[in-house]
Amino acid sequence: MPKAKVELFEKDLQESALLFKALGHPARLAILRYLSETKVCISGDISNELPLSRTTVNQHLKELKSQGLIKGEIEGSRTNYCLNAPRIKELKKIIEHFLCEIECCENLGC
């Protein structure tokens, strides 16, 4: 069976692409910003903060959680959501490293 095209690329690029994909929707960015601004874990309905349905917000939370950017811990009938600080720091390093790799030289006219 042939390899998936994604598997043809280096492992670090595959991981970066998954993280960048998780950041690829304004709702997910809004969720990350909201959790960052609140500075605490949220045990309420985040969909009250966004112009989207609860179902749609839950799909975005699931994507962020799958990449480890947020944590969601169930307490009774509610889920507490927070940023996953170590993963956010790792994301920052990955973004900085990637941007340094593709930085253009001034003498090339970039």
N, C-alpha and C. Protein backbone atom coordinates (compact mmCIF):
# COMPACT_ATOMS: atom_id res chain seq x y z
N MET A 1 0.85 -1.18 0.00
CA MET A 1 0.00 0.00 0.00
C MET A 1 0.90 1.25 0.00
N PRO A 2 0.64 2.23 -0.87
CA PRO A 2 1.49 3.43 -0.94
C PRO A 2 1.34 4.29 0.31
N LYS A 3 2.42 4.99 0.65
CA LYS A 3 2.40 5.90 1.79
C LYS A 3 1.48 7.08 1.50
N ALA A 4 0.85 7.59 2.55
CA ALA A 4 0.09 8.82 2.40
C ALA A 4 1.07 9.93 2.05
N LYS A 5 0.64 10.88 1.26
CA LYS A 5 1.55 11.94 0.83
C LYS A 5 2.15 12.70 2.00
N VAL A 6 1.40 12.86 3.07
CA VAL A 6 1.92 13.55 4.25
C VAL A 6 3.13 12.82 4.81
N GLU A 7 3.12 11.51 4.76
CA GLU A 7 4.21 10.71 5.31
C GLU A 7 5.50 10.83 4.52
N LEU A 8 5.44 11.45 3.35
CA LEU A 8 6.64 11.64 2.55
C LEU A 8 7.51 12.78 3.09
N PHE A 9 6.96 13.55 4.02
CA PHE A 9 7.68 14.70 4.56
C PHE A 9 8.27 14.36 5.92
N GLU A 10 9.27 15.15 6.32
CA GLU A 10 9.94 14.95 7.60
C GLU A 10 8.94 15.02 8.75
N LYS A 11 9.25 14.26 9.79
CA LYS A 11 8.35 14.16 10.95
C LYS A 11 8.07 15.53 11.58
N ASP A 12 9.09 16.40 11.67
CA ASP A 12 8.88 17.71 12.29
C ASP A 12 7.93 18.57 11.46
N LEU A 13 7.99 18.44 10.13
CA LEU A 13 7.06 19.18 9.28
C LEU A 13 5.64 18.64 9.42
N GLN A 14 5.51 17.33 9.57
CA GLN A 14 4.19 16.73 9.77
C GLN A 14 3.57 17.24 11.06
N GLU A 15 4.37 17.25 12.14
CA GLU A 15 3.87 17.73 13.43
C GLU A 15 3.52 19.21 13.37
N SER A 16 4.38 19.99 12.75
CA SER A 16 4.11 21.43 12.62
C SER A 16 2.82 21.67 11.85
N ALA A 17 2.62 20.93 10.77
CA ALA A 17 1.42 21.10 9.96
C ALA A 17 0.16 20.82 10.77
N LEU A 18 0.19 19.79 11.62
CA LEU A 18 -0.97 19.49 12.45
C LEU A 18 -1.26 20.62 13.44
N LEU A 19 -0.21 21.15 14.03
CA LEU A 19 -0.39 22.27 14.96
C LEU A 19 -0.91 23.51 14.23
N PHE A 20 -0.31 23.80 13.08
CA PHE A 20 -0.74 24.97 12.32
C PHE A 20 -2.19 24.82 11.86
N LYS A 21 -2.57 23.60 11.52
CA LYS A 21 -3.97 23.34 11.12
C LYS A 21 -4.90 23.63 12.28
N ALA A 22 -4.49 23.28 13.49
CA ALA A 22 -5.32 23.55 14.67
C ALA A 22 -5.51 25.04 14.88
N LEU A 23 -4.56 25.84 14.40
CA LEU A 23 -4.65 27.29 14.51
C LEU A 23 -5.34 27.92 13.31
N GLY A 24 -5.76 27.09 12.36
CA GLY A 24 -6.24 27.57 11.08
C GLY A 24 -7.69 28.01 11.01
N HIS A 25 -8.30 28.30 12.14
CA HIS A 25 -9.68 28.80 12.13
C HIS A 25 -9.80 29.91 13.16
N PRO A 26 -10.45 31.01 12.81
CA PRO A 26 -10.56 32.12 13.77
C PRO A 26 -11.26 31.74 15.08
N ALA A 27 -12.17 30.79 15.04
CA ALA A 27 -12.84 30.37 16.28
C ALA A 27 -11.84 29.75 17.24
N ARG A 28 -10.91 28.96 16.71
CA ARG A 28 -9.91 28.32 17.58
C ARG A 28 -8.96 29.35 18.16
N LEU A 29 -8.60 30.34 17.34
CA LEU A 29 -7.75 31.42 17.85
C LEU A 29 -8.49 32.20 18.93
N ALA A 30 -9.78 32.43 18.73
CA ALA A 30 -10.59 33.15 19.72
C ALA A 30 -10.68 32.36 21.02
N ILE A 31 -10.82 31.05 20.92
CA ILE A 31 -10.87 30.21 22.11
C ILE A 31 -9.55 30.30 22.87
N LEU A 32 -8.43 30.17 22.16
CA LEU A 32 -7.12 30.27 22.81
C LEU A 32 -6.95 31.63 23.47
N ARG A 33 -7.33 32.68 22.77
CA ARG A 33 -7.21 34.04 23.33
C ARG A 33 -8.09 34.18 24.57
N TYR A 34 -9.31 33.69 24.48
CA TYR A 34 -10.23 33.79 25.62
C TYR A 34 -9.68 33.06 26.84
N LEU A 35 -9.20 31.83 26.64
CA LEU A 35 -8.64 31.08 27.76
C LEU A 35 -7.41 31.76 28.33
N SER A 36 -6.62 32.39 27.46
CA SER A 36 -5.44 33.12 27.91
C SER A 36 -5.82 34.35 28.73
N GLU A 37 -6.82 35.07 28.27
CA GLU A 37 -7.23 36.30 28.95
C GLU A 37 -7.88 36.02 30.30
N THR A 38 -8.58 34.91 30.42
CA THR A 38 -9.27 34.62 31.67
C THR A 38 -8.31 34.20 32.78
N LYS A 39 -7.14 33.66 32.39
CA LYS A 39 -6.08 33.25 33.33
C LYS A 39 -6.51 32.14 34.29
N VAL A 40 -7.69 31.56 34.08
CA VAL A 40 -8.16 30.45 34.92
C VAL A 40 -8.81 29.41 34.02
N CYS A 41 -9.06 28.25 34.59
CA CYS A 41 -9.79 27.23 33.85
C CYS A 41 -11.27 27.61 33.83
N ILE A 42 -11.89 27.38 32.70
CA ILE A 42 -13.29 27.75 32.52
C ILE A 42 -14.16 26.52 32.67
N SER A 43 -15.12 26.59 33.58
CA SER A 43 -16.03 25.46 33.74
C SER A 43 -17.42 25.83 33.25
N GLY A 44 -17.48 26.85 32.43
CA GLY A 44 -18.76 27.27 31.89
C GLY A 44 -18.85 26.92 30.42
N ASP A 45 -19.78 27.53 29.77
CA ASP A 45 -20.02 27.28 28.37
C ASP A 45 -19.27 28.31 27.53
N ILE A 46 -18.19 27.90 26.91
CA ILE A 46 -17.37 28.81 26.11
C ILE A 46 -18.17 29.33 24.91
N SER A 47 -19.18 28.59 24.49
CA SER A 47 -19.98 29.04 23.33
C SER A 47 -20.71 30.34 23.63
N ASN A 48 -20.87 30.71 24.91
CA ASN A 48 -21.47 32.00 25.24
C ASN A 48 -20.55 33.16 24.84
N GLU A 49 -19.28 32.87 24.66
CA GLU A 49 -18.29 33.89 24.32
C GLU A 49 -18.06 34.03 22.81
N LEU A 50 -18.61 33.12 22.03
CA LEU A 50 -18.36 33.11 20.59
C LEU A 50 -19.67 33.15 19.82
N PRO A 51 -19.64 33.69 18.61
CA PRO A 51 -20.87 33.77 17.80
C PRO A 51 -21.16 32.47 17.03
N LEU A 52 -20.99 31.34 17.73
CA LEU A 52 -21.18 30.04 17.10
C LEU A 52 -22.05 29.17 18.00
N SER A 53 -22.62 28.14 17.42
CA SER A 53 -23.43 27.22 18.20
C SER A 53 -22.56 26.40 19.15
N ARG A 54 -23.15 25.86 20.18
CA ARG A 54 -22.44 25.04 21.15
C ARG A 54 -21.78 23.84 20.46
N THR A 55 -22.49 23.22 19.52
CA THR A 55 -21.95 22.06 18.80
C THR A 55 -20.70 22.43 18.02
N THR A 56 -20.73 23.57 17.34
CA THR A 56 -19.59 24.02 16.56
C THR A 56 -18.41 24.34 17.47
N VAL A 57 -18.68 25.03 18.57
CA VAL A 57 -17.61 25.36 19.52
C VAL A 57 -16.99 24.07 20.06
N ASN A 58 -17.82 23.08 20.37
CA ASN A 58 -17.30 21.81 20.88
C ASN A 58 -16.39 21.12 19.87
N GLN A 59 -16.70 21.24 18.58
CA GLN A 59 -15.84 20.67 17.54
C GLN A 59 -14.48 21.36 17.54
N HIS A 60 -14.48 22.69 17.69
CA HIS A 60 -13.22 23.43 17.73
C HIS A 60 -12.43 23.10 19.00
N LEU A 61 -13.12 22.96 20.12
CA LEU A 61 -12.44 22.56 21.36
C LEU A 61 -11.79 21.19 21.20
N LYS A 62 -12.50 20.29 20.53
CA LYS A 62 -11.97 18.94 20.31
C LYS A 62 -10.68 19.00 19.49
N GLU A 63 -10.64 19.84 18.46
CA GLU A 63 -9.44 19.96 17.62
C GLU A 63 -8.27 20.53 18.43
N LEU A 64 -8.54 21.55 19.22
CA LEU A 64 -7.47 22.14 20.05
C LEU A 64 -6.98 21.13 21.08
N LYS A 65 -7.90 20.38 21.63
CA LYS A 65 -7.53 19.37 22.64
C LYS A 65 -6.73 18.24 21.99
N SER A 66 -7.10 17.86 20.77
CA SER A 66 -6.39 16.76 20.10
C SER A 66 -4.93 17.10 19.84
N GLN A 67 -4.62 18.37 19.70
CA GLN A 67 -3.24 18.80 19.50
C GLN A 67 -2.56 19.18 20.81
N GLY A 68 -3.28 19.01 21.91
CA GLY A 68 -2.70 19.26 23.22
C GLY A 68 -2.59 20.72 23.60
N LEU A 69 -3.21 21.61 22.82
CA LEU A 69 -3.11 23.04 23.11
C LEU A 69 -3.97 23.46 24.30
N ILE A 70 -5.04 22.72 24.53
CA ILE A 70 -5.88 22.96 25.70
C ILE A 70 -6.08 21.64 26.44
N LYS A 71 -6.46 21.77 27.70
CA LYS A 71 -6.82 20.61 28.50
C LYS A 71 -8.30 20.74 28.83
N GLY A 72 -8.99 19.64 28.81
CA GLY A 72 -10.39 19.62 29.21
C GLY A 72 -10.61 18.50 30.19
N GLU A 73 -10.86 18.86 31.42
CA GLU A 73 -11.05 17.85 32.46
C GLU A 73 -12.50 17.85 32.91
N ILE A 74 -13.08 16.67 32.93
CA ILE A 74 -14.49 16.53 33.26
C ILE A 74 -14.67 16.53 34.78
N GLU A 75 -15.57 17.38 35.23
CA GLU A 75 -15.96 17.43 36.64
C GLU A 75 -17.47 17.36 36.69
N GLY A 76 -17.98 16.20 37.03
CA GLY A 76 -19.43 16.02 37.04
C GLY A 76 -19.98 16.13 35.63
N SER A 77 -20.92 17.04 35.45
CA SER A 77 -21.53 17.22 34.12
C SER A 77 -20.86 18.34 33.32
N ARG A 78 -19.82 18.94 33.89
CA ARG A 78 -19.14 20.06 33.22
C ARG A 78 -17.71 19.68 32.87
N THR A 79 -17.16 20.40 31.92
CA THR A 79 -15.76 20.22 31.57
C THR A 79 -15.03 21.53 31.83
N ASN A 80 -13.92 21.45 32.53
CA ASN A 80 -13.07 22.60 32.78
C ASN A 80 -12.03 22.68 31.67
N TYR A 81 -11.98 23.80 30.98
CA TYR A 81 -11.01 23.99 29.90
C TYR A 81 -9.96 25.01 30.32
N CYS A 82 -8.69 24.70 30.03
CA CYS A 82 -7.58 25.61 30.26
C CYS A 82 -6.56 25.44 29.16
N LEU A 83 -5.71 26.45 29.03
CA LEU A 83 -4.57 26.30 28.13
C LEU A 83 -3.63 25.26 28.72
N ASN A 84 -2.98 24.52 27.84
CA ASN A 84 -1.95 23.59 28.27
C ASN A 84 -0.62 24.33 28.11
N ALA A 85 -0.19 24.98 29.17
CA ALA A 85 0.97 25.89 29.12
C ALA A 85 2.23 25.26 28.52
N PRO A 86 2.62 24.04 28.91
CA PRO A 86 3.83 23.47 28.30
C PRO A 86 3.69 23.29 26.79
N ARG A 87 2.52 22.90 26.33
CA ARG A 87 2.32 22.71 24.89
C ARG A 87 2.30 24.06 24.16
N ILE A 88 1.74 25.08 24.78
CA ILE A 88 1.74 26.42 24.18
C ILE A 88 3.18 26.92 24.04
N LYS A 89 4.00 26.69 25.05
CA LYS A 89 5.42 27.08 24.98
C LYS A 89 6.12 26.32 23.86
N GLU A 90 5.81 25.04 23.73
CA GLU A 90 6.38 24.22 22.66
C GLU A 90 5.94 24.75 21.30
N LEU A 91 4.67 25.13 21.18
CA LEU A 91 4.15 25.70 19.93
C LEU A 91 4.91 26.97 19.56
N LYS A 92 5.16 27.82 20.55
CA LYS A 92 5.92 29.05 20.29
C LYS A 92 7.29 28.74 19.72
N LYS A 93 7.96 27.74 20.32
CA LYS A 93 9.30 27.35 19.84
C LYS A 93 9.23 26.80 18.41
N ILE A 94 8.22 25.99 18.14
CA ILE A 94 8.06 25.42 16.80
C ILE A 94 7.84 26.52 15.77
N ILE A 95 6.98 27.48 16.10
CA ILE A 95 6.71 28.60 15.18
C ILE A 95 7.97 29.43 14.96
N GLU A 96 8.65 29.78 16.04
CA GLU A 96 9.88 30.57 15.92
C GLU A 96 10.93 29.85 15.09
N HIS A 97 11.11 28.56 15.34
CA HIS A 97 12.10 27.77 14.60
C HIS A 97 11.73 27.73 13.10
N PHE A 98 10.47 27.49 12.82
CA PHE A 98 10.04 27.42 11.42
C PHE A 98 10.24 28.75 10.72
N LEU A 99 9.86 29.84 11.38
CA LEU A 99 10.02 31.15 10.76
C LEU A 99 11.48 31.51 10.56
N CYS A 100 12.34 31.10 11.46
CA CYS A 100 13.78 31.33 11.28
C CYS A 100 14.31 30.54 10.08
N GLU A 101 13.80 29.33 9.88
CA GLU A 101 14.24 28.51 8.75
C GLU A 101 13.86 29.12 7.40
N ILE A 102 12.73 29.80 7.35
CA ILE A 102 12.28 30.33 6.05
C ILE A 102 12.58 31.82 5.89
N GLU A 103 13.30 32.39 6.84
CA GLU A 103 13.62 33.80 6.76
C GLU A 103 14.44 34.09 5.51
N CYS A 104 14.04 35.10 4.82
CA CYS A 104 14.75 35.50 3.59
C CYS A 104 15.93 36.40 3.91
N CYS A 105 16.93 36.31 3.09
CA CYS A 105 18.07 37.21 3.22
C CYS A 105 17.71 38.52 2.54
N GLU A 106 18.11 39.64 3.15
CA GLU A 106 17.78 40.94 2.59
C GLU A 106 18.40 41.13 1.20
N ASN A 107 19.57 40.56 0.99
CA ASN A 107 20.23 40.75 -0.30
C ASN A 107 19.56 39.97 -1.43
N LEU A 108 18.58 39.11 -1.10
CA LEU A 108 17.86 38.40 -2.15
C LEU A 108 16.60 39.14 -2.59
N GLY A 109 16.34 40.27 -1.94
CA GLY A 109 15.18 41.07 -2.33
C GLY A 109 13.86 40.56 -1.79
N CYS A 110 13.88 39.81 -0.71
CA CYS A 110 12.63 39.30 -0.11
C CYS A 110 11.90 40.38 0.64
